[in-house]
Amino acid sequence: MTITVPNVRSSDAQIKVLDEGLIYFKGTGGPAGDEHLYEMSVQLLHPIKAAETKCGVEARSVQLKIVKKEKGPYWERLLKD
């Protein structure tokens, strides 16, 4: 999953990933001189393995590699709603 917010400081970013499939992000970013606070929360369609999910803050985005709780076919969609 990619959250596109440029110039997010990793020291400022808050990322929470829960086993029931909830992903929360809060951080300040945007073009230099025009930074804003961004916040989002999404509920995934199925549970995940939060402890095995990898998160990384990069120059232009926040990357999450999500690990499904149960192996099997692809999900018909990513979000619950």
N, C-alpha and C. Protein backbone atom coordinates (compact mmCIF):
# COMPACT_ATOMS: atom_id res chain seq x y z
N MET A 1 0.85 -1.15 0.00
CA MET A 1 0.00 0.00 0.00
C MET A 1 0.91 1.22 0.00
N THR A 2 0.56 2.22 -0.78
CA THR A 2 1.33 3.45 -0.86
C THR A 2 0.47 4.62 -0.42
N ILE A 3 0.98 5.41 0.49
CA ILE A 3 0.34 6.66 0.92
C ILE A 3 1.22 7.77 0.36
N THR A 4 0.71 8.51 -0.61
CA THR A 4 1.52 9.52 -1.29
C THR A 4 1.41 10.86 -0.57
N VAL A 5 2.46 11.19 0.17
CA VAL A 5 2.60 12.49 0.83
C VAL A 5 4.09 12.83 0.77
N PRO A 6 4.48 13.81 -0.04
CA PRO A 6 5.90 14.13 -0.15
C PRO A 6 6.45 14.81 1.10
N ASN A 7 7.74 14.59 1.33
CA ASN A 7 8.49 15.26 2.40
C ASN A 7 7.99 14.98 3.81
N VAL A 8 7.46 13.79 4.04
CA VAL A 8 7.06 13.42 5.40
C VAL A 8 8.31 13.08 6.19
N ARG A 9 8.44 13.65 7.36
CA ARG A 9 9.59 13.35 8.22
C ARG A 9 9.29 12.06 8.99
N SER A 10 10.21 11.10 8.91
CA SER A 10 9.98 9.82 9.59
C SER A 10 9.86 10.00 11.10
N SER A 11 10.54 11.02 11.64
CA SER A 11 10.46 11.26 13.08
C SER A 11 9.08 11.79 13.47
N ASP A 12 8.35 12.37 12.52
CA ASP A 12 7.04 12.97 12.76
C ASP A 12 5.89 12.02 12.43
N ALA A 13 6.14 11.05 11.57
CA ALA A 13 5.06 10.17 11.08
C ALA A 13 4.62 9.19 12.16
N GLN A 14 3.31 9.01 12.25
CA GLN A 14 2.71 8.02 13.14
C GLN A 14 1.99 7.00 12.26
N ILE A 15 2.41 5.74 12.38
CA ILE A 15 1.80 4.67 11.58
C ILE A 15 1.41 3.56 12.54
N LYS A 16 0.13 3.17 12.50
CA LYS A 16 -0.35 2.07 13.33
C LYS A 16 -0.99 1.03 12.42
N VAL A 17 -0.63 -0.22 12.62
CA VAL A 17 -1.18 -1.33 11.85
C VAL A 17 -1.68 -2.36 12.85
N LEU A 18 -2.95 -2.71 12.76
CA LEU A 18 -3.55 -3.65 13.70
C LEU A 18 -3.96 -4.94 13.00
N ASP A 19 -3.94 -6.05 13.74
CA ASP A 19 -4.26 -7.37 13.17
C ASP A 19 -5.64 -7.42 12.52
N GLU A 20 -6.60 -6.67 13.03
CA GLU A 20 -7.94 -6.73 12.45
C GLU A 20 -8.04 -5.99 11.12
N GLY A 21 -6.92 -5.44 10.64
CA GLY A 21 -6.88 -4.83 9.32
C GLY A 21 -7.02 -3.32 9.32
N LEU A 22 -6.84 -2.68 10.46
CA LEU A 22 -6.92 -1.23 10.54
C LEU A 22 -5.54 -0.63 10.31
N ILE A 23 -5.46 0.35 9.41
CA ILE A 23 -4.21 1.06 9.14
C ILE A 23 -4.46 2.54 9.37
N TYR A 24 -3.59 3.15 10.20
CA TYR A 24 -3.72 4.57 10.56
C TYR A 24 -2.41 5.27 10.23
N PHE A 25 -2.51 6.46 9.63
CA PHE A 25 -1.34 7.28 9.33
C PHE A 25 -1.62 8.72 9.71
N LYS A 26 -0.62 9.37 10.29
CA LYS A 26 -0.69 10.80 10.60
C LYS A 26 0.71 11.36 10.44
N GLY A 27 0.84 12.45 9.70
CA GLY A 27 2.15 13.06 9.51
C GLY A 27 2.05 14.38 8.78
N THR A 28 3.08 15.18 8.92
CA THR A 28 3.15 16.48 8.26
C THR A 28 4.02 16.35 7.01
N GLY A 29 3.54 16.88 5.89
CA GLY A 29 4.29 16.80 4.65
C GLY A 29 3.71 17.71 3.60
N GLY A 30 4.29 17.65 2.44
CA GLY A 30 3.86 18.48 1.33
C GLY A 30 5.04 19.26 0.79
N PRO A 31 4.80 20.08 -0.21
CA PRO A 31 5.89 20.88 -0.78
C PRO A 31 6.51 21.79 0.28
N ALA A 32 7.80 22.02 0.18
CA ALA A 32 8.51 22.88 1.13
C ALA A 32 7.84 24.25 1.18
N GLY A 33 7.57 24.70 2.38
CA GLY A 33 6.91 25.98 2.57
C GLY A 33 5.40 25.91 2.54
N ASP A 34 4.84 24.78 2.14
CA ASP A 34 3.39 24.60 2.07
C ASP A 34 3.00 23.26 2.70
N GLU A 35 3.59 22.96 3.84
CA GLU A 35 3.34 21.68 4.50
C GLU A 35 2.03 21.70 5.27
N HIS A 36 1.38 20.54 5.31
CA HIS A 36 0.10 20.39 5.99
C HIS A 36 0.12 19.09 6.80
N LEU A 37 -0.78 19.00 7.76
CA LEU A 37 -0.96 17.78 8.52
C LEU A 37 -1.91 16.86 7.75
N TYR A 38 -1.49 15.63 7.54
CA TYR A 38 -2.31 14.63 6.85
C TYR A 38 -2.63 13.51 7.83
N GLU A 39 -3.86 13.01 7.75
CA GLU A 39 -4.27 11.94 8.64
C GLU A 39 -5.28 11.06 7.90
N MET A 40 -5.15 9.76 8.04
CA MET A 40 -6.08 8.83 7.41
C MET A 40 -6.17 7.54 8.21
N SER A 41 -7.30 6.90 8.08
CA SER A 41 -7.53 5.61 8.72
C SER A 41 -8.34 4.77 7.74
N VAL A 42 -7.88 3.56 7.46
CA VAL A 42 -8.61 2.67 6.55
C VAL A 42 -8.79 1.31 7.19
N GLN A 43 -9.89 0.69 6.89
CA GLN A 43 -10.19 -0.66 7.35
C GLN A 43 -10.08 -1.60 6.17
N LEU A 44 -9.15 -2.53 6.22
CA LEU A 44 -8.98 -3.49 5.13
C LEU A 44 -10.08 -4.53 5.15
N LEU A 45 -10.27 -5.20 4.05
CA LEU A 45 -11.35 -6.17 3.89
C LEU A 45 -11.19 -7.37 4.83
N HIS A 46 -9.94 -7.82 5.03
CA HIS A 46 -9.69 -9.01 5.85
C HIS A 46 -8.59 -8.73 6.88
N PRO A 47 -8.47 -9.58 7.90
CA PRO A 47 -7.40 -9.42 8.89
C PRO A 47 -6.01 -9.60 8.27
N ILE A 48 -5.01 -9.03 8.93
CA ILE A 48 -3.62 -9.10 8.47
C ILE A 48 -2.72 -9.49 9.63
N LYS A 49 -1.46 -9.72 9.33
CA LYS A 49 -0.45 -9.98 10.36
C LYS A 49 0.32 -8.68 10.59
N ALA A 50 -0.12 -7.92 11.57
CA ALA A 50 0.47 -6.60 11.82
C ALA A 50 1.95 -6.69 12.17
N ALA A 51 2.34 -7.70 12.93
CA ALA A 51 3.74 -7.83 13.34
C ALA A 51 4.67 -8.09 12.16
N GLU A 52 4.16 -8.66 11.09
CA GLU A 52 4.97 -8.97 9.91
C GLU A 52 4.87 -7.90 8.82
N THR A 53 4.00 -6.93 9.01
CA THR A 53 3.83 -5.86 8.03
C THR A 53 4.99 -4.88 8.15
N LYS A 54 5.57 -4.53 7.02
CA LYS A 54 6.73 -3.61 6.97
C LYS A 54 6.27 -2.23 6.55
N CYS A 55 6.77 -1.20 7.25
CA CYS A 55 6.44 0.20 6.95
C CYS A 55 7.72 0.97 6.71
N GLY A 56 7.69 1.87 5.73
CA GLY A 56 8.85 2.70 5.45
C GLY A 56 8.43 4.08 4.98
N VAL A 57 9.08 5.10 5.54
CA VAL A 57 8.82 6.48 5.12
C VAL A 57 9.90 6.86 4.13
N GLU A 58 9.48 7.22 2.92
CA GLU A 58 10.40 7.59 1.85
C GLU A 58 10.22 9.05 1.50
N ALA A 59 10.99 9.56 0.56
CA ALA A 59 10.97 10.98 0.21
C ALA A 59 9.61 11.45 -0.28
N ARG A 60 8.89 10.64 -1.03
CA ARG A 60 7.63 11.07 -1.61
C ARG A 60 6.41 10.29 -1.14
N SER A 61 6.64 9.30 -0.28
CA SER A 61 5.50 8.47 0.13
C SER A 61 5.84 7.64 1.36
N VAL A 62 4.79 7.00 1.87
CA VAL A 62 4.92 6.01 2.93
C VAL A 62 4.53 4.67 2.30
N GLN A 63 5.41 3.68 2.43
CA GLN A 63 5.18 2.36 1.82
C GLN A 63 4.87 1.35 2.91
N LEU A 64 3.85 0.53 2.69
CA LEU A 64 3.52 -0.56 3.60
C LEU A 64 3.45 -1.85 2.82
N LYS A 65 4.15 -2.87 3.28
CA LYS A 65 4.05 -4.20 2.70
C LYS A 65 3.21 -5.01 3.67
N ILE A 66 1.97 -5.25 3.28
CA ILE A 66 0.98 -5.88 4.16
C ILE A 66 1.00 -7.39 3.97
N VAL A 67 0.98 -8.12 5.08
CA VAL A 67 0.97 -9.58 5.05
C VAL A 67 -0.43 -10.07 5.46
N LYS A 68 -1.07 -10.83 4.57
CA LYS A 68 -2.40 -11.36 4.87
C LYS A 68 -2.33 -12.39 5.99
N LYS A 69 -3.38 -12.44 6.82
CA LYS A 69 -3.42 -13.40 7.91
C LYS A 69 -3.59 -14.83 7.39
N GLU A 70 -4.44 -14.98 6.39
CA GLU A 70 -4.70 -16.31 5.83
C GLU A 70 -4.22 -16.35 4.39
N LYS A 71 -3.50 -17.40 4.05
CA LYS A 71 -3.08 -17.59 2.66
C LYS A 71 -4.29 -17.94 1.83
N GLY A 72 -4.19 -17.66 0.57
CA GLY A 72 -5.29 -18.00 -0.31
C GLY A 72 -5.31 -17.07 -1.51
N PRO A 73 -6.43 -17.07 -2.19
CA PRO A 73 -6.53 -16.26 -3.39
C PRO A 73 -6.48 -14.76 -3.06
N TYR A 74 -6.31 -13.99 -4.10
CA TYR A 74 -6.28 -12.54 -3.91
C TYR A 74 -7.61 -12.05 -3.34
N TRP A 75 -7.58 -10.89 -2.69
CA TRP A 75 -8.80 -10.28 -2.18
C TRP A 75 -9.54 -9.63 -3.35
N GLU A 76 -10.86 -9.71 -3.32
CA GLU A 76 -11.64 -9.09 -4.40
C GLU A 76 -11.56 -7.57 -4.37
N ARG A 77 -11.19 -7.00 -3.23
CA ARG A 77 -10.92 -5.56 -3.11
C ARG A 77 -10.07 -5.36 -1.85
N LEU A 78 -9.48 -4.20 -1.70
CA LEU A 78 -8.58 -3.93 -0.58
C LEU A 78 -9.32 -3.47 0.67
N LEU A 79 -10.30 -2.59 0.50
CA LEU A 79 -10.98 -1.97 1.64
C LEU A 79 -12.31 -2.65 1.96
N LYS A 80 -12.68 -2.57 3.23
CA LYS A 80 -13.93 -3.18 3.68
C LYS A 80 -15.15 -2.48 3.09
N ASP A 81 -15.12 -1.16 3.04
CA ASP A 81 -16.25 -0.38 2.50
C ASP A 81 -16.05 -0.03 1.06
